[in-house]
N, C-alpha and C. Protein backbone atom coordinates (compact mmCIF):
# COMPACT_ATOMS: atom_id res chain seq x y z
N MET A 1 -15.74 -3.49 21.55
CA MET A 1 -15.23 -3.25 20.20
C MET A 1 -15.93 -4.14 19.16
N SER A 2 -16.37 -5.32 19.58
CA SER A 2 -17.02 -6.22 18.63
C SER A 2 -18.33 -5.63 18.12
N GLU A 3 -18.93 -4.70 18.90
CA GLU A 3 -20.17 -4.07 18.45
C GLU A 3 -19.96 -3.28 17.17
N LEU A 4 -18.79 -2.66 17.04
CA LEU A 4 -18.47 -1.92 15.82
C LEU A 4 -18.45 -2.86 14.62
N ILE A 5 -17.86 -4.04 14.80
CA ILE A 5 -17.80 -5.02 13.71
C ILE A 5 -19.18 -5.54 13.38
N LYS A 6 -20.00 -5.80 14.41
CA LYS A 6 -21.36 -6.27 14.17
C LYS A 6 -22.16 -5.25 13.37
N GLU A 7 -21.99 -3.97 13.71
CA GLU A 7 -22.70 -2.93 12.97
C GLU A 7 -22.23 -2.89 11.52
N ALA A 8 -20.92 -3.02 11.32
CA ALA A 8 -20.37 -3.03 9.96
C ALA A 8 -20.93 -4.21 9.17
N PHE A 9 -21.00 -5.38 9.81
CA PHE A 9 -21.52 -6.59 9.15
C PHE A 9 -22.98 -6.41 8.77
N ARG A 10 -23.80 -5.91 9.70
CA ARG A 10 -25.23 -5.75 9.44
C ARG A 10 -25.50 -4.77 8.31
N GLN A 11 -24.70 -3.68 8.24
CA GLN A 11 -24.85 -2.72 7.15
C GLN A 11 -24.51 -3.36 5.80
N LEU A 12 -23.49 -4.19 5.82
CA LEU A 12 -23.00 -4.78 4.58
C LEU A 12 -23.83 -5.98 4.13
N TYR A 13 -24.27 -6.79 5.10
CA TYR A 13 -25.03 -8.01 4.80
C TYR A 13 -26.33 -8.04 5.61
N PRO A 14 -27.26 -7.15 5.33
CA PRO A 14 -28.50 -7.09 6.12
C PRO A 14 -29.34 -8.37 6.03
N GLU A 15 -29.13 -9.14 4.96
CA GLU A 15 -29.92 -10.36 4.76
C GLU A 15 -29.31 -11.57 5.45
N LYS A 16 -28.10 -11.46 6.00
CA LYS A 16 -27.41 -12.62 6.56
C LYS A 16 -27.48 -12.65 8.09
N GLU A 17 -27.54 -13.86 8.60
CA GLU A 17 -27.43 -14.04 10.05
C GLU A 17 -25.96 -14.03 10.44
N ILE A 18 -25.66 -13.43 11.58
CA ILE A 18 -24.28 -13.39 12.04
C ILE A 18 -23.92 -14.74 12.67
N ILE A 19 -22.99 -15.43 12.05
CA ILE A 19 -22.57 -16.74 12.55
C ILE A 19 -21.13 -16.71 13.06
N TYR A 20 -20.54 -15.51 13.09
CA TYR A 20 -19.14 -15.37 13.45
C TYR A 20 -18.96 -14.80 14.84
N ASN A 21 -17.82 -15.14 15.45
CA ASN A 21 -17.38 -14.49 16.67
C ASN A 21 -16.36 -13.41 16.27
N PHE A 22 -16.59 -12.19 16.69
CA PHE A 22 -15.75 -11.08 16.27
C PHE A 22 -14.82 -10.64 17.40
N SER A 23 -13.63 -10.22 17.02
CA SER A 23 -12.74 -9.55 17.98
C SER A 23 -11.97 -8.45 17.24
N LEU A 24 -11.67 -7.39 17.96
CA LEU A 24 -10.98 -6.24 17.38
C LEU A 24 -9.90 -5.77 18.33
N LYS A 25 -8.67 -5.66 17.80
CA LYS A 25 -7.54 -5.17 18.60
C LYS A 25 -6.82 -4.05 17.85
N TYR A 26 -6.36 -3.07 18.63
CA TYR A 26 -5.54 -2.00 18.07
C TYR A 26 -4.08 -2.29 18.43
N SER A 27 -3.22 -2.29 17.42
CA SER A 27 -1.85 -2.75 17.62
C SER A 27 -0.84 -1.65 17.27
N ARG A 28 0.28 -1.67 17.97
CA ARG A 28 1.39 -0.77 17.66
C ARG A 28 2.36 -1.41 16.66
N ARG A 29 2.10 -2.66 16.29
CA ARG A 29 3.03 -3.37 15.40
C ARG A 29 2.90 -2.96 13.94
N PHE A 30 1.76 -2.35 13.56
CA PHE A 30 1.51 -2.00 12.17
C PHE A 30 2.04 -0.61 11.83
N ASN A 31 2.30 -0.41 10.55
CA ASN A 31 2.54 0.95 10.07
C ASN A 31 1.25 1.75 10.20
N SER A 32 1.37 3.06 10.11
CA SER A 32 0.22 3.95 10.30
C SER A 32 -0.95 3.57 9.39
N TYR A 33 -2.13 3.43 10.00
CA TYR A 33 -3.39 3.20 9.31
C TYR A 33 -3.42 1.89 8.52
N ASN A 34 -2.58 0.93 8.91
CA ASN A 34 -2.67 -0.41 8.34
C ASN A 34 -3.64 -1.26 9.17
N ALA A 35 -4.08 -2.35 8.58
CA ALA A 35 -5.02 -3.24 9.26
C ALA A 35 -5.05 -4.58 8.54
N ASN A 36 -5.51 -5.63 9.26
CA ASN A 36 -5.74 -6.91 8.59
C ASN A 36 -6.85 -7.66 9.30
N VAL A 37 -7.28 -8.73 8.69
CA VAL A 37 -8.31 -9.58 9.28
C VAL A 37 -7.92 -11.04 9.02
N LYS A 38 -8.21 -11.89 10.01
CA LYS A 38 -7.93 -13.32 9.88
C LYS A 38 -9.18 -14.10 10.26
N LEU A 39 -9.37 -15.22 9.56
CA LEU A 39 -10.54 -16.07 9.80
C LEU A 39 -10.07 -17.44 10.26
N TYR A 40 -10.47 -17.81 11.47
CA TYR A 40 -10.18 -19.13 12.01
C TYR A 40 -11.51 -19.79 12.38
N GLY A 41 -11.95 -20.75 11.55
CA GLY A 41 -13.26 -21.35 11.78
C GLY A 41 -14.34 -20.29 11.66
N ASN A 42 -15.06 -20.04 12.76
CA ASN A 42 -16.07 -18.98 12.77
C ASN A 42 -15.59 -17.73 13.51
N ASN A 43 -14.30 -17.64 13.72
CA ASN A 43 -13.72 -16.50 14.43
C ASN A 43 -13.09 -15.51 13.44
N LEU A 44 -13.60 -14.29 13.43
CA LEU A 44 -13.04 -13.22 12.61
C LEU A 44 -12.28 -12.27 13.52
N ILE A 45 -10.97 -12.18 13.31
CA ILE A 45 -10.10 -11.39 14.17
C ILE A 45 -9.57 -10.20 13.38
N PHE A 46 -9.92 -9.01 13.82
CA PHE A 46 -9.51 -7.77 13.16
C PHE A 46 -8.39 -7.12 13.96
N ASN A 47 -7.31 -6.76 13.27
CA ASN A 47 -6.19 -6.04 13.89
C ASN A 47 -5.98 -4.73 13.16
N LEU A 48 -6.07 -3.63 13.88
CA LEU A 48 -5.92 -2.29 13.30
C LEU A 48 -4.76 -1.58 13.99
N SER A 49 -4.05 -0.74 13.24
CA SER A 49 -2.99 0.04 13.85
C SER A 49 -3.59 1.00 14.88
N LYS A 50 -2.77 1.40 15.84
CA LYS A 50 -3.26 2.21 16.96
C LYS A 50 -3.83 3.55 16.51
N GLU A 51 -3.41 4.05 15.31
CA GLU A 51 -3.89 5.35 14.84
C GLU A 51 -5.40 5.35 14.59
N TRP A 52 -5.95 4.16 14.32
CA TRP A 52 -7.39 4.10 14.01
C TRP A 52 -8.26 4.43 15.22
N LYS A 53 -7.71 4.33 16.43
CA LYS A 53 -8.50 4.59 17.64
C LYS A 53 -9.12 5.99 17.64
N LYS A 54 -8.39 6.95 17.08
CA LYS A 54 -8.86 8.34 17.14
C LYS A 54 -9.67 8.75 15.92
N ILE A 55 -9.90 7.82 14.99
CA ILE A 55 -10.67 8.12 13.77
C ILE A 55 -12.14 7.82 14.01
N SER A 56 -12.99 8.54 13.33
CA SER A 56 -14.43 8.44 13.55
C SER A 56 -14.95 7.01 13.33
N LYS A 57 -16.02 6.71 14.04
CA LYS A 57 -16.63 5.37 13.97
C LYS A 57 -17.06 5.03 12.55
N GLU A 58 -17.63 5.98 11.83
CA GLU A 58 -18.13 5.72 10.47
C GLU A 58 -17.00 5.29 9.54
N ILE A 59 -15.83 5.94 9.67
CA ILE A 59 -14.69 5.58 8.81
C ILE A 59 -14.13 4.22 9.21
N GLN A 60 -14.08 3.94 10.51
CA GLN A 60 -13.62 2.62 10.96
C GLN A 60 -14.56 1.52 10.46
N ILE A 61 -15.85 1.78 10.45
CA ILE A 61 -16.81 0.81 9.92
C ILE A 61 -16.53 0.55 8.45
N GLY A 62 -16.21 1.60 7.70
CA GLY A 62 -15.87 1.43 6.29
C GLY A 62 -14.65 0.56 6.10
N LEU A 63 -13.64 0.74 6.94
CA LEU A 63 -12.44 -0.10 6.90
C LEU A 63 -12.80 -1.55 7.18
N VAL A 64 -13.57 -1.80 8.23
CA VAL A 64 -13.97 -3.17 8.59
C VAL A 64 -14.76 -3.80 7.44
N GLN A 65 -15.62 -3.04 6.80
CA GLN A 65 -16.39 -3.57 5.67
C GLN A 65 -15.49 -3.94 4.49
N GLU A 66 -14.48 -3.14 4.24
CA GLU A 66 -13.52 -3.49 3.18
C GLU A 66 -12.83 -4.80 3.52
N LEU A 67 -12.46 -4.97 4.77
CA LEU A 67 -11.79 -6.20 5.20
C LEU A 67 -12.74 -7.41 5.15
N LEU A 68 -14.00 -7.18 5.49
CA LEU A 68 -14.99 -8.27 5.42
C LEU A 68 -15.15 -8.78 3.99
N ILE A 69 -15.25 -7.85 3.05
CA ILE A 69 -15.40 -8.24 1.64
C ILE A 69 -14.18 -9.03 1.18
N LYS A 70 -13.01 -8.61 1.64
CA LYS A 70 -11.78 -9.28 1.24
C LYS A 70 -11.70 -10.69 1.80
N ILE A 71 -11.99 -10.87 3.10
CA ILE A 71 -11.82 -12.17 3.73
C ILE A 71 -12.95 -13.13 3.37
N LEU A 72 -14.17 -12.61 3.18
CA LEU A 72 -15.32 -13.47 2.86
C LEU A 72 -15.51 -13.65 1.36
N LYS A 73 -14.73 -12.89 0.59
CA LYS A 73 -14.73 -13.01 -0.88
C LYS A 73 -16.13 -12.80 -1.47
N ASN A 74 -16.83 -11.80 -0.93
CA ASN A 74 -18.15 -11.44 -1.44
C ASN A 74 -18.08 -10.07 -2.09
N LYS A 75 -18.52 -9.97 -3.32
CA LYS A 75 -18.57 -8.67 -3.99
C LYS A 75 -19.84 -7.94 -3.57
N LYS A 76 -19.66 -6.74 -3.07
CA LYS A 76 -20.79 -5.93 -2.63
C LYS A 76 -20.63 -4.51 -3.13
N ASN A 77 -21.77 -3.82 -3.27
CA ASN A 77 -21.70 -2.41 -3.61
C ASN A 77 -21.14 -1.62 -2.42
N LYS A 78 -20.55 -0.49 -2.72
CA LYS A 78 -19.96 0.35 -1.69
C LYS A 78 -21.04 0.89 -0.76
N THR A 79 -20.76 0.85 0.53
CA THR A 79 -21.62 1.53 1.49
C THR A 79 -21.11 2.97 1.66
N MET A 80 -21.89 3.79 2.32
CA MET A 80 -21.46 5.16 2.59
C MET A 80 -20.21 5.17 3.47
N SER A 81 -20.14 4.24 4.41
CA SER A 81 -18.96 4.17 5.29
C SER A 81 -17.72 3.80 4.50
N MET A 82 -17.86 2.90 3.53
CA MET A 82 -16.72 2.52 2.70
C MET A 82 -16.26 3.69 1.84
N GLU A 83 -17.20 4.47 1.34
CA GLU A 83 -16.84 5.67 0.56
C GLU A 83 -16.06 6.65 1.44
N LEU A 84 -16.52 6.82 2.69
CA LEU A 84 -15.81 7.72 3.61
C LEU A 84 -14.41 7.20 3.91
N TYR A 85 -14.29 5.88 4.09
CA TYR A 85 -12.98 5.28 4.36
C TYR A 85 -12.03 5.50 3.19
N ASN A 86 -12.50 5.24 1.96
CA ASN A 86 -11.65 5.42 0.79
C ASN A 86 -11.24 6.88 0.60
N LEU A 87 -12.17 7.78 0.86
CA LEU A 87 -11.85 9.21 0.76
C LEU A 87 -10.79 9.59 1.80
N PHE A 88 -10.95 9.05 3.00
CA PHE A 88 -9.97 9.31 4.06
C PHE A 88 -8.58 8.82 3.65
N MET A 89 -8.48 7.59 3.14
CA MET A 89 -7.19 7.02 2.78
C MET A 89 -6.53 7.74 1.61
N LYS A 90 -7.33 8.28 0.70
CA LYS A 90 -6.77 8.99 -0.44
C LYS A 90 -6.25 10.37 -0.07
N ASN A 91 -6.64 10.85 1.10
CA ASN A 91 -6.25 12.21 1.49
C ASN A 91 -5.42 12.28 2.78
N ILE A 92 -5.19 11.15 3.43
CA ILE A 92 -4.45 11.16 4.68
C ILE A 92 -3.04 11.67 4.49
N HIS A 93 -2.46 11.49 3.29
CA HIS A 93 -1.08 11.93 3.04
C HIS A 93 -0.89 13.42 3.27
N LEU A 94 -1.98 14.20 3.14
CA LEU A 94 -1.87 15.65 3.30
C LEU A 94 -1.51 16.04 4.74
N ALA A 95 -1.87 15.20 5.70
CA ALA A 95 -1.63 15.53 7.11
C ALA A 95 -0.41 14.81 7.69
N VAL A 96 0.22 13.94 6.89
CA VAL A 96 1.35 13.16 7.41
C VAL A 96 2.62 14.00 7.45
N PRO A 97 3.34 14.05 8.58
CA PRO A 97 4.62 14.78 8.64
C PRO A 97 5.64 14.15 7.71
N LYS A 98 6.42 14.98 7.03
CA LYS A 98 7.47 14.50 6.14
C LYS A 98 8.81 14.60 6.87
N THR A 99 9.20 13.51 7.51
CA THR A 99 10.38 13.52 8.37
C THR A 99 11.49 12.59 7.90
N LYS A 100 11.18 11.71 6.94
CA LYS A 100 12.18 10.73 6.48
C LYS A 100 12.66 11.09 5.08
N THR A 101 13.97 11.13 4.92
CA THR A 101 14.51 11.42 3.59
C THR A 101 15.91 10.83 3.47
N ASP A 102 16.42 10.84 2.27
CA ASP A 102 17.76 10.34 1.96
C ASP A 102 18.20 11.05 0.70
N ILE A 103 19.43 11.49 0.63
CA ILE A 103 19.87 12.32 -0.49
C ILE A 103 19.78 11.58 -1.82
N ILE A 104 20.12 10.30 -1.85
CA ILE A 104 20.06 9.54 -3.11
C ILE A 104 18.61 9.37 -3.55
N LEU A 105 17.75 9.01 -2.61
CA LEU A 105 16.34 8.84 -2.93
C LEU A 105 15.68 10.16 -3.31
N GLU A 106 16.07 11.22 -2.63
CA GLU A 106 15.49 12.53 -2.93
C GLU A 106 15.88 12.99 -4.33
N GLU A 107 17.13 12.76 -4.71
CA GLU A 107 17.58 13.12 -6.06
C GLU A 107 16.81 12.32 -7.11
N SER A 108 16.58 11.03 -6.83
CA SER A 108 15.81 10.19 -7.75
C SER A 108 14.38 10.70 -7.86
N PHE A 109 13.75 10.99 -6.72
CA PHE A 109 12.39 11.51 -6.72
C PHE A 109 12.30 12.78 -7.56
N ASP A 110 13.26 13.68 -7.39
CA ASP A 110 13.23 14.95 -8.13
C ASP A 110 13.42 14.74 -9.63
N ARG A 111 14.32 13.82 -10.01
CA ARG A 111 14.53 13.53 -11.44
C ARG A 111 13.25 13.01 -12.07
N VAL A 112 12.63 12.05 -11.41
CA VAL A 112 11.41 11.44 -11.95
C VAL A 112 10.26 12.45 -11.94
N ASN A 113 10.17 13.23 -10.89
CA ASN A 113 9.12 14.23 -10.78
C ASN A 113 9.20 15.23 -11.93
N ASP A 114 10.40 15.71 -12.22
CA ASP A 114 10.60 16.67 -13.30
C ASP A 114 10.32 16.05 -14.67
N ALA A 115 10.75 14.80 -14.85
CA ALA A 115 10.65 14.16 -16.17
C ALA A 115 9.24 13.69 -16.50
N TYR A 116 8.47 13.24 -15.49
CA TYR A 116 7.19 12.58 -15.78
C TYR A 116 5.97 13.21 -15.10
N PHE A 117 6.19 14.10 -14.14
CA PHE A 117 5.06 14.70 -13.44
C PHE A 117 5.09 16.23 -13.47
N ASN A 118 5.93 16.78 -14.36
CA ASN A 118 6.06 18.24 -14.47
C ASN A 118 6.40 18.89 -13.13
N GLY A 119 7.07 18.13 -12.26
CA GLY A 119 7.48 18.66 -10.96
C GLY A 119 6.33 18.91 -10.02
N MET A 120 5.14 18.35 -10.29
CA MET A 120 3.92 18.70 -9.55
C MET A 120 3.57 17.71 -8.43
N LEU A 121 4.26 16.56 -8.36
CA LEU A 121 3.91 15.58 -7.32
C LEU A 121 4.56 16.00 -6.00
N ASP A 122 3.75 16.09 -4.95
CA ASP A 122 4.25 16.52 -3.64
C ASP A 122 5.25 15.51 -3.09
N LYS A 123 6.30 16.04 -2.46
CA LYS A 123 7.32 15.19 -1.85
C LYS A 123 6.71 14.37 -0.71
N CYS A 124 7.17 13.14 -0.57
CA CYS A 124 6.68 12.28 0.50
C CYS A 124 7.87 11.80 1.32
N ASN A 125 7.62 10.99 2.33
CA ASN A 125 8.71 10.37 3.07
C ASN A 125 9.42 9.37 2.16
N LEU A 126 10.74 9.33 2.26
CA LEU A 126 11.56 8.45 1.42
C LEU A 126 12.53 7.68 2.30
N GLN A 127 12.58 6.36 2.11
CA GLN A 127 13.49 5.56 2.94
C GLN A 127 13.94 4.31 2.20
N TRP A 128 15.11 3.82 2.59
CA TRP A 128 15.60 2.54 2.09
C TRP A 128 15.02 1.41 2.92
N GLY A 129 14.71 0.30 2.27
CA GLY A 129 14.33 -0.91 2.97
C GLY A 129 15.54 -1.81 3.11
N ASN A 130 15.32 -3.10 3.35
CA ASN A 130 16.44 -4.04 3.36
C ASN A 130 16.76 -4.45 1.93
N GLU A 131 17.68 -5.37 1.77
CA GLU A 131 18.08 -5.78 0.41
C GLU A 131 17.11 -6.83 -0.13
N ALA A 132 15.85 -6.44 -0.24
CA ALA A 132 14.81 -7.36 -0.70
C ALA A 132 14.85 -7.49 -2.22
N VAL A 133 14.57 -8.69 -2.72
CA VAL A 133 14.46 -8.91 -4.16
C VAL A 133 13.04 -9.31 -4.54
N SER A 134 12.23 -9.70 -3.56
CA SER A 134 10.85 -10.06 -3.85
C SER A 134 9.94 -8.84 -3.86
N LYS A 135 10.35 -7.77 -3.16
CA LYS A 135 9.59 -6.54 -3.10
C LYS A 135 10.57 -5.38 -3.27
N LEU A 136 10.65 -4.87 -4.50
CA LEU A 136 11.66 -3.86 -4.81
C LEU A 136 11.29 -2.47 -4.33
N GLY A 137 10.02 -2.24 -4.12
CA GLY A 137 9.57 -0.94 -3.65
C GLY A 137 8.15 -1.01 -3.14
N SER A 138 7.74 -0.01 -2.38
CA SER A 138 6.37 0.04 -1.89
C SER A 138 5.99 1.49 -1.58
N TYR A 139 4.68 1.74 -1.63
CA TYR A 139 4.17 3.04 -1.20
C TYR A 139 3.09 2.80 -0.16
N GLU A 140 3.26 3.39 1.02
CA GLU A 140 2.29 3.27 2.11
C GLU A 140 1.42 4.52 2.13
N TYR A 141 0.10 4.34 1.91
CA TYR A 141 -0.81 5.48 1.93
C TYR A 141 -0.86 6.13 3.31
N GLY A 142 -0.92 5.30 4.35
CA GLY A 142 -1.14 5.80 5.70
C GLY A 142 -0.06 6.73 6.22
N ASN A 143 1.22 6.45 5.85
CA ASN A 143 2.29 7.33 6.31
C ASN A 143 3.01 8.03 5.16
N ASP A 144 2.39 8.00 3.97
CA ASP A 144 2.91 8.71 2.79
C ASP A 144 4.41 8.45 2.60
N THR A 145 4.76 7.17 2.55
CA THR A 145 6.18 6.78 2.51
C THR A 145 6.47 5.85 1.34
N ILE A 146 7.49 6.21 0.57
CA ILE A 146 8.03 5.31 -0.45
C ILE A 146 9.26 4.62 0.13
N THR A 147 9.27 3.30 0.07
CA THR A 147 10.40 2.51 0.53
C THR A 147 10.99 1.77 -0.66
N ILE A 148 12.30 1.85 -0.82
CA ILE A 148 12.99 1.22 -1.96
C ILE A 148 14.00 0.21 -1.45
N SER A 149 14.07 -0.95 -2.10
CA SER A 149 15.03 -1.98 -1.72
C SER A 149 16.46 -1.43 -1.79
N ALA A 150 17.26 -1.78 -0.78
CA ALA A 150 18.64 -1.29 -0.70
C ALA A 150 19.54 -1.87 -1.78
N ILE A 151 19.06 -2.81 -2.58
CA ILE A 151 19.92 -3.36 -3.64
C ILE A 151 20.23 -2.30 -4.70
N PHE A 152 19.46 -1.20 -4.70
CA PHE A 152 19.67 -0.16 -5.72
C PHE A 152 20.63 0.94 -5.28
N LYS A 153 21.15 0.85 -4.06
CA LYS A 153 21.97 1.94 -3.52
C LYS A 153 23.17 2.28 -4.39
N ASN A 154 23.85 1.29 -4.88
CA ASN A 154 25.09 1.52 -5.64
C ASN A 154 24.98 1.03 -7.08
N GLU A 155 23.76 1.02 -7.61
CA GLU A 155 23.53 0.54 -8.97
C GLU A 155 23.23 1.71 -9.91
N ASN A 156 23.02 1.39 -11.17
CA ASN A 156 22.66 2.38 -12.18
C ASN A 156 21.46 3.20 -11.71
N PRO A 157 21.59 4.53 -11.65
CA PRO A 157 20.47 5.37 -11.19
C PRO A 157 19.18 5.16 -11.98
N GLU A 158 19.29 4.71 -13.24
CA GLU A 158 18.09 4.45 -14.03
C GLU A 158 17.23 3.36 -13.40
N PHE A 159 17.89 2.35 -12.81
CA PHE A 159 17.14 1.27 -12.17
C PHE A 159 16.34 1.81 -10.99
N LEU A 160 17.01 2.61 -10.17
CA LEU A 160 16.35 3.24 -9.02
C LEU A 160 15.21 4.13 -9.48
N ASP A 161 15.45 4.92 -10.53
CA ASP A 161 14.42 5.84 -11.01
C ASP A 161 13.18 5.11 -11.50
N TYR A 162 13.38 3.94 -12.11
CA TYR A 162 12.23 3.19 -12.61
C TYR A 162 11.36 2.68 -11.47
N VAL A 163 11.99 2.13 -10.43
CA VAL A 163 11.24 1.66 -9.26
C VAL A 163 10.59 2.84 -8.55
N MET A 164 11.32 3.95 -8.45
CA MET A 164 10.77 5.16 -7.85
C MET A 164 9.55 5.63 -8.63
N TYR A 165 9.63 5.59 -9.95
CA TYR A 165 8.52 6.02 -10.80
C TYR A 165 7.28 5.17 -10.53
N HIS A 166 7.46 3.86 -10.43
CA HIS A 166 6.34 2.96 -10.15
C HIS A 166 5.65 3.35 -8.84
N GLU A 167 6.45 3.59 -7.79
CA GLU A 167 5.86 3.93 -6.49
C GLU A 167 5.25 5.33 -6.49
N MET A 168 5.82 6.24 -7.26
CA MET A 168 5.23 7.58 -7.38
C MET A 168 3.89 7.54 -8.10
N LEU A 169 3.74 6.59 -9.02
CA LEU A 169 2.44 6.41 -9.67
C LEU A 169 1.39 5.93 -8.66
N HIS A 170 1.81 5.08 -7.72
CA HIS A 170 0.89 4.67 -6.66
C HIS A 170 0.47 5.87 -5.82
N LYS A 171 1.42 6.75 -5.54
CA LYS A 171 1.10 7.96 -4.78
C LYS A 171 0.13 8.84 -5.56
N LYS A 172 0.32 8.94 -6.86
CA LYS A 172 -0.53 9.79 -7.69
C LYS A 172 -1.94 9.24 -7.81
N PHE A 173 -2.06 7.95 -8.14
CA PHE A 173 -3.37 7.37 -8.45
C PHE A 173 -4.07 6.75 -7.24
N LYS A 174 -3.32 6.49 -6.16
CA LYS A 174 -3.87 5.81 -4.99
C LYS A 174 -4.52 4.48 -5.42
N PHE A 175 -5.84 4.42 -5.49
CA PHE A 175 -6.52 3.20 -5.92
C PHE A 175 -7.88 3.56 -6.48
N GLN A 176 -8.42 2.64 -7.26
CA GLN A 176 -9.76 2.80 -7.81
C GLN A 176 -10.60 1.60 -7.38
N ASN A 177 -11.91 1.84 -7.23
CA ASN A 177 -12.79 0.75 -6.85
C ASN A 177 -13.58 0.26 -8.05
N LYS A 178 -13.59 -1.06 -8.24
CA LYS A 178 -14.33 -1.65 -9.35
C LYS A 178 -14.91 -2.98 -8.90
N ASN A 179 -16.22 -3.11 -9.01
CA ASN A 179 -16.92 -4.34 -8.62
C ASN A 179 -16.59 -4.77 -7.19
N GLY A 180 -16.54 -3.77 -6.30
CA GLY A 180 -16.29 -4.08 -4.90
C GLY A 180 -14.85 -4.35 -4.54
N ARG A 181 -13.93 -4.16 -5.49
CA ARG A 181 -12.51 -4.40 -5.22
C ARG A 181 -11.71 -3.13 -5.47
N ASN A 182 -10.67 -2.93 -4.67
CA ASN A 182 -9.77 -1.80 -4.88
C ASN A 182 -8.66 -2.21 -5.84
N LEU A 183 -8.54 -1.48 -6.94
CA LEU A 183 -7.51 -1.75 -7.93
C LEU A 183 -6.35 -0.80 -7.73
N HIS A 184 -5.16 -1.35 -7.59
CA HIS A 184 -3.97 -0.53 -7.38
C HIS A 184 -3.16 -0.37 -8.67
N HIS A 185 -3.46 -1.18 -9.68
CA HIS A 185 -2.80 -1.06 -10.98
C HIS A 185 -3.89 -0.93 -12.04
N SER A 186 -4.49 0.23 -12.10
CA SER A 186 -5.57 0.47 -13.06
C SER A 186 -5.01 0.55 -14.47
N SER A 187 -5.89 0.61 -15.46
CA SER A 187 -5.44 0.74 -16.85
C SER A 187 -4.69 2.05 -17.05
N GLU A 188 -5.13 3.10 -16.37
CA GLU A 188 -4.43 4.39 -16.48
C GLU A 188 -3.04 4.31 -15.85
N PHE A 189 -2.94 3.60 -14.73
CA PHE A 189 -1.64 3.38 -14.08
C PHE A 189 -0.69 2.67 -15.05
N LYS A 190 -1.16 1.58 -15.66
CA LYS A 190 -0.31 0.80 -16.56
C LYS A 190 0.07 1.60 -17.80
N ARG A 191 -0.86 2.42 -18.28
CA ARG A 191 -0.57 3.26 -19.45
C ARG A 191 0.56 4.25 -19.14
N MET A 192 0.51 4.86 -17.98
CA MET A 192 1.55 5.81 -17.60
C MET A 192 2.87 5.11 -17.30
N GLU A 193 2.79 3.94 -16.68
CA GLU A 193 4.01 3.21 -16.37
C GLU A 193 4.79 2.87 -17.64
N ALA A 194 4.06 2.57 -18.72
CA ALA A 194 4.69 2.21 -20.00
C ALA A 194 5.44 3.37 -20.64
N LYS A 195 5.22 4.58 -20.14
CA LYS A 195 5.88 5.76 -20.71
C LYS A 195 7.33 5.92 -20.28
N PHE A 196 7.76 5.15 -19.29
CA PHE A 196 9.12 5.31 -18.80
C PHE A 196 10.12 4.94 -19.89
N GLN A 197 11.08 5.81 -20.12
CA GLN A 197 12.04 5.61 -21.22
C GLN A 197 12.86 4.34 -21.01
N ASN A 198 13.00 3.55 -22.07
CA ASN A 198 13.77 2.29 -22.05
C ASN A 198 13.22 1.30 -21.02
N ARG A 199 11.92 1.33 -20.83
CA ARG A 199 11.30 0.51 -19.78
C ARG A 199 11.63 -0.98 -19.93
N ASP A 200 11.45 -1.53 -21.12
CA ASP A 200 11.64 -2.98 -21.31
C ASP A 200 13.07 -3.40 -21.00
N LEU A 201 14.04 -2.61 -21.47
CA LEU A 201 15.45 -2.93 -21.22
C LEU A 201 15.76 -2.82 -19.72
N ILE A 202 15.26 -1.79 -19.08
CA ILE A 202 15.52 -1.59 -17.65
C ILE A 202 14.91 -2.72 -16.83
N GLU A 203 13.71 -3.17 -17.19
CA GLU A 203 13.09 -4.28 -16.46
C GLU A 203 13.94 -5.55 -16.56
N LYS A 204 14.51 -5.79 -17.73
CA LYS A 204 15.37 -6.96 -17.90
C LYS A 204 16.61 -6.85 -17.02
N GLU A 205 17.20 -5.64 -16.97
CA GLU A 205 18.41 -5.44 -16.18
C GLU A 205 18.11 -5.55 -14.68
N ILE A 206 16.94 -5.06 -14.29
CA ILE A 206 16.56 -5.18 -12.87
C ILE A 206 16.34 -6.64 -12.50
N SER A 207 15.78 -7.43 -13.41
CA SER A 207 15.60 -8.86 -13.17
C SER A 207 16.95 -9.56 -12.97
N LYS A 208 17.94 -9.17 -13.78
CA LYS A 208 19.28 -9.73 -13.62
C LYS A 208 19.87 -9.35 -12.26
N LEU A 209 19.68 -8.09 -11.88
CA LEU A 209 20.19 -7.61 -10.60
C LEU A 209 19.55 -8.37 -9.44
N ALA A 210 18.25 -8.59 -9.52
CA ALA A 210 17.55 -9.31 -8.46
C ALA A 210 18.06 -10.75 -8.35
N ARG A 211 18.28 -11.38 -9.50
CA ARG A 211 18.79 -12.76 -9.49
C ARG A 211 20.19 -12.80 -8.88
N LYS A 212 21.00 -11.81 -9.19
CA LYS A 212 22.36 -11.76 -8.65
C LYS A 212 22.34 -11.66 -7.13
N HIS A 213 21.45 -10.85 -6.60
CA HIS A 213 21.35 -10.70 -5.15
C HIS A 213 20.78 -11.94 -4.50
N LYS A 214 19.89 -12.66 -5.18
CA LYS A 214 19.38 -13.91 -4.65
C LYS A 214 20.50 -14.93 -4.49
N VAL A 215 21.35 -15.01 -5.50
CA VAL A 215 22.49 -15.93 -5.44
C VAL A 215 23.40 -15.55 -4.29
N GLY A 216 23.64 -14.24 -4.15
CA GLY A 216 24.50 -13.77 -3.08
C GLY A 216 23.95 -14.13 -1.70
N ILE A 217 22.64 -13.98 -1.53
CA ILE A 217 22.02 -14.28 -0.24
C ILE A 217 22.13 -15.77 0.06
N ARG A 218 21.89 -16.60 -0.95
CA ARG A 218 21.98 -18.05 -0.75
C ARG A 218 23.39 -18.45 -0.36
N ALA A 219 24.40 -17.82 -1.01
CA ALA A 219 25.78 -18.16 -0.73
C ALA A 219 26.13 -17.82 0.73
N ILE A 220 25.61 -16.70 1.22
CA ILE A 220 25.86 -16.31 2.59
C ILE A 220 25.22 -17.30 3.56
N LEU A 221 23.98 -17.68 3.28
CA LEU A 221 23.24 -18.56 4.17
C LEU A 221 23.82 -19.97 4.20
N SER A 222 24.44 -20.37 3.08
CA SER A 222 24.97 -21.74 3.02
C SER A 222 26.39 -21.84 3.59
N PHE A 223 26.98 -20.71 3.94
CA PHE A 223 28.38 -20.71 4.42
C PHE A 223 28.46 -21.38 5.79
């Protein structure tokens, strides 16, 4: 498996000598099509979700190159493999089964879809997370899933809709590449996000809600 990483490195840095020890593992611990890399001294350890095993070598090389740029903090022009990887990630949602849903989240998705996307955004997997206050929502490209913090379950639907809108924008725009980096909050993303009605007031109320839950969690832990 290290040969794949060596090939990715040589394509990306043809002028550099390889001074690293590489290792690559496929793990069941990650969400679909997730991956990470860690650097310990001269050891570069790549961990990829098990789904990557069945994906073509060229696309896996593109993923490894993206991770190399991130961990080594070197800005490089896109390789063909990286272009293939980005294209794959932007379109994987089309093949992902839609098996997770929740009536409250589905109603929120439909309200936001009708109000801001003309009802044109395809439905994705929807699920509640834990009662997190540091991460109120997320969108996973690999499994086409929006996850929302459970603190919104019994709160003002406007709060839920705003977080849902943010994650739906991630689904719509995916990411853009600029100067060798993937941008997840582009200028177009921010421009559309600002269109949400009563955005400033809702953000303040959500901040209050998050602080309230933090206090509650601390009180439980200190009991």
